[in-house]
Amino acid sequence: MNFLPDISGALAVIDTFLIQHARDLNAATQAALLQASSQASPVDKMVAFGETLYALGAAASAEAKTAAAQVIEFAARYSWHGLGADGRGAGIVAALRRDLGEAAPAGGWPDLATDPAPRPDIQAALGLAPATIAPASSPLAAMPASAPAASS
């Protein structure tokens, strides 16, 4: 993953992703990304865009995970929207980089159980239930959101 040097680079990642990949996404994701990318504040735009792609979990493409990781890393570097204060931003970036198959840093990747949860408001906008956003490498990723009721 390339680290972004400045805000214009972060905004270019968003625009490039939308131009090249938005058509491949479902309607709910397109609508959420349109709302995120239409924010007047570039800070709000970056955080909403990155959080939206992160909320896709295992359903996110490699391009989506890369774009989200780049933008969230930049926002966390400046602690925008608190992403740097509690480690949320670094946790999101680590989870995305791990899912992309990047080489682990010294000490290894954080445990899957410690990945930051996607924001509930974004999950709702995407029509996702919490059980459907497990990381691809998690045993929960293969499990259905709910098991059918047992018949008697």
Protein backbone atom coordinates (compact mmCIF):
# COMPACT_ATOMS: atom_id res chain seq x y z
CA MET A 1 0.00 0.00 0.00
CA ASN A 2 1.29 3.45 -0.87
CA PHE A 3 1.05 6.05 1.86
CA LEU A 4 -0.42 9.37 0.76
CA PRO A 5 1.74 12.48 1.09
CA ASP A 6 -0.98 15.15 1.17
CA ILE A 7 -4.68 15.91 1.17
CA SER A 8 -4.87 16.30 -2.62
CA GLY A 9 -3.48 12.78 -2.96
CA ALA A 10 -6.15 11.45 -0.61
CA LEU A 11 -8.90 13.22 -2.51
CA ALA A 12 -7.50 11.89 -5.80
CA VAL A 13 -7.72 8.32 -4.43
CA ILE A 14 -11.41 8.88 -3.72
CA ASP A 15 -12.15 10.36 -7.14
CA THR A 16 -10.17 7.66 -8.96
CA PHE A 17 -11.92 4.87 -7.05
CA LEU A 18 -15.35 6.31 -7.78
CA ILE A 19 -14.60 6.77 -11.48
CA GLN A 20 -13.10 3.32 -11.94
CA HIS A 21 -15.10 1.14 -9.56
CA ALA A 22 -18.41 2.69 -8.45
CA ARG A 23 -20.30 1.11 -11.33
CA ASP A 24 -19.33 -2.35 -10.02
CA LEU A 25 -20.94 -1.76 -6.61
CA ASN A 26 -24.53 -2.42 -5.56
CA ALA A 27 -27.02 0.45 -5.35
CA ALA A 28 -26.82 0.83 -1.55
CA THR A 29 -23.02 1.08 -1.63
CA GLN A 30 -23.15 3.52 -4.55
CA ALA A 31 -25.61 5.71 -2.64
CA ALA A 32 -23.50 5.62 0.54
CA LEU A 33 -20.34 6.52 -1.38
CA LEU A 34 -22.15 9.31 -3.22
CA GLN A 35 -23.26 10.74 0.11
CA ALA A 36 -19.74 10.34 1.55
CA SER A 37 -18.04 11.92 -1.44
CA SER A 38 -20.42 14.88 -1.61
CA GLN A 39 -19.36 16.21 1.81
CA ALA A 40 -18.27 19.86 1.65
CA SER A 41 -15.38 19.28 4.04
CA PRO A 42 -12.50 17.25 2.58
CA VAL A 43 -11.92 15.78 6.05
CA ASP A 44 -15.55 14.62 6.31
CA LYS A 45 -15.33 13.27 2.75
CA MET A 46 -12.21 11.20 3.47
CA VAL A 47 -13.42 9.75 6.75
CA ALA A 48 -16.90 8.89 5.44
CA PHE A 49 -15.46 7.33 2.26
CA GLY A 50 -12.91 5.20 4.14
CA GLU A 51 -15.39 4.11 6.81
CA THR A 52 -17.95 3.19 4.14
CA LEU A 53 -15.53 0.95 2.25
CA TYR A 54 -14.28 -0.58 5.51
CA ALA A 55 -17.86 -1.47 6.47
CA LEU A 56 -18.10 -3.71 3.39
CA GLY A 57 -15.76 -6.18 5.11
CA ALA A 58 -15.14 -9.36 3.14
CA ALA A 59 -17.34 -8.09 0.28
CA ALA A 60 -14.89 -5.27 -0.46
CA SER A 61 -12.64 -5.68 -3.48
CA ALA A 62 -8.87 -5.35 -3.22
CA GLU A 63 -9.20 -1.92 -4.82
CA ALA A 64 -11.79 -0.85 -2.23
CA LYS A 65 -9.65 -2.12 0.66
CA THR A 66 -6.58 -0.36 -0.71
CA ALA A 67 -8.41 2.95 -1.21
CA ALA A 68 -9.99 2.74 2.26
CA ALA A 69 -6.66 1.91 3.92
CA GLN A 70 -4.88 4.79 2.18
CA VAL A 71 -7.51 7.37 3.04
CA ILE A 72 -8.05 6.17 6.62
CA GLU A 73 -4.28 6.10 7.25
CA PHE A 74 -4.03 9.71 6.09
CA ALA A 75 -6.99 10.80 8.24
CA ALA A 76 -5.66 8.90 11.28
CA ARG A 77 -2.25 10.53 10.88
CA TYR A 78 -3.93 13.85 11.74
CA SER A 79 -6.43 12.27 14.15
CA TRP A 80 -9.37 13.55 12.13
CA HIS A 81 -12.71 12.52 13.60
CA GLY A 82 -10.80 10.84 16.40
CA LEU A 83 -9.28 8.17 14.17
CA GLY A 84 -5.88 8.68 15.77
CA ALA A 85 -6.99 9.17 19.35
CA ASP A 86 -8.20 5.68 20.24
CA GLY A 87 -6.31 3.64 17.65
CA ARG A 88 -9.38 3.11 15.47
CA GLY A 89 -7.67 4.39 12.34
CA ALA A 90 -4.54 2.31 12.85
CA GLY A 91 -6.70 -0.73 13.59
CA ILE A 92 -8.72 -0.26 10.41
CA VAL A 93 -5.57 0.15 8.34
CA ALA A 94 -3.96 -2.94 9.90
CA ALA A 95 -7.08 -5.03 9.27
CA LEU A 96 -7.30 -3.90 5.64
CA ARG A 97 -3.60 -4.44 4.98
CA ARG A 98 -3.80 -7.91 6.57
CA ASP A 99 -6.81 -8.74 4.40
CA LEU A 100 -4.90 -7.54 1.33
CA GLY A 101 -2.18 -10.08 2.11
CA GLU A 102 0.58 -7.58 2.82
CA ALA A 103 3.62 -8.73 4.77
CA ALA A 104 3.05 -8.49 8.50
CA PRO A 105 4.93 -5.83 10.42
CA ALA A 106 7.35 -6.76 13.20
CA GLY A 107 5.30 -8.44 15.89
CA GLY A 108 2.66 -9.65 13.41
CA TRP A 109 -0.83 -8.46 12.62
CA PRO A 110 -3.31 -7.76 15.42
CA ASP A 111 -5.73 -10.54 16.24
CA LEU A 112 -8.93 -10.56 14.16
CA ALA A 113 -10.97 -10.19 17.34
CA THR A 114 -9.41 -6.77 17.95
CA ASP A 115 -10.38 -5.29 14.57
CA PRO A 116 -12.45 -2.13 14.99
CA ALA A 117 -16.13 -2.71 14.36
CA PRO A 118 -17.61 -0.89 11.37
CA ARG A 119 -19.76 2.08 12.29
CA PRO A 120 -23.38 0.98 12.85
CA ASP A 121 -24.82 3.98 10.97
CA ILE A 122 -22.80 3.06 7.88
CA GLN A 123 -23.72 -0.61 8.18
CA ALA A 124 -27.38 0.40 8.26
CA ALA A 125 -26.97 2.62 5.19
CA LEU A 126 -25.37 -0.31 3.36
CA GLY A 127 -28.11 -2.70 4.49
CA LEU A 128 -25.59 -4.87 6.35
CA ALA A 129 -26.15 -6.69 9.59
CA PRO A 130 -23.13 -6.87 11.91
CA ALA A 131 -22.63 -10.61 11.28
CA THR A 132 -22.17 -10.04 7.54
CA ILE A 133 -19.11 -7.83 7.77
CA ALA A 134 -16.61 -10.27 9.30
CA PRO A 135 -13.11 -10.16 7.77
CA ALA A 136 -12.53 -12.60 4.91
CA SER A 137 -9.99 -14.57 6.93
CA SER A 138 -12.30 -14.91 9.91
CA PRO A 139 -14.20 -18.16 10.54
CA LEU A 140 -17.31 -16.01 10.89
CA ALA A 141 -17.04 -14.85 7.27
CA ALA A 142 -18.31 -18.22 6.02
CA MET A 143 -21.21 -18.36 8.46
CA PRO A 144 -24.69 -17.17 7.49
CA ALA A 145 -26.03 -14.12 9.29
CA SER A 146 -28.64 -16.26 11.02
CA ALA A 147 -29.27 -19.96 11.21
CA PRO A 148 -32.66 -21.34 10.20
CA ALA A 149 -34.96 -22.26 13.07
CA ALA A 150 -35.01 -25.94 13.97
CA SER A 151 -38.24 -27.67 13.08
CA SER A 152 -39.96 -30.02 15.47
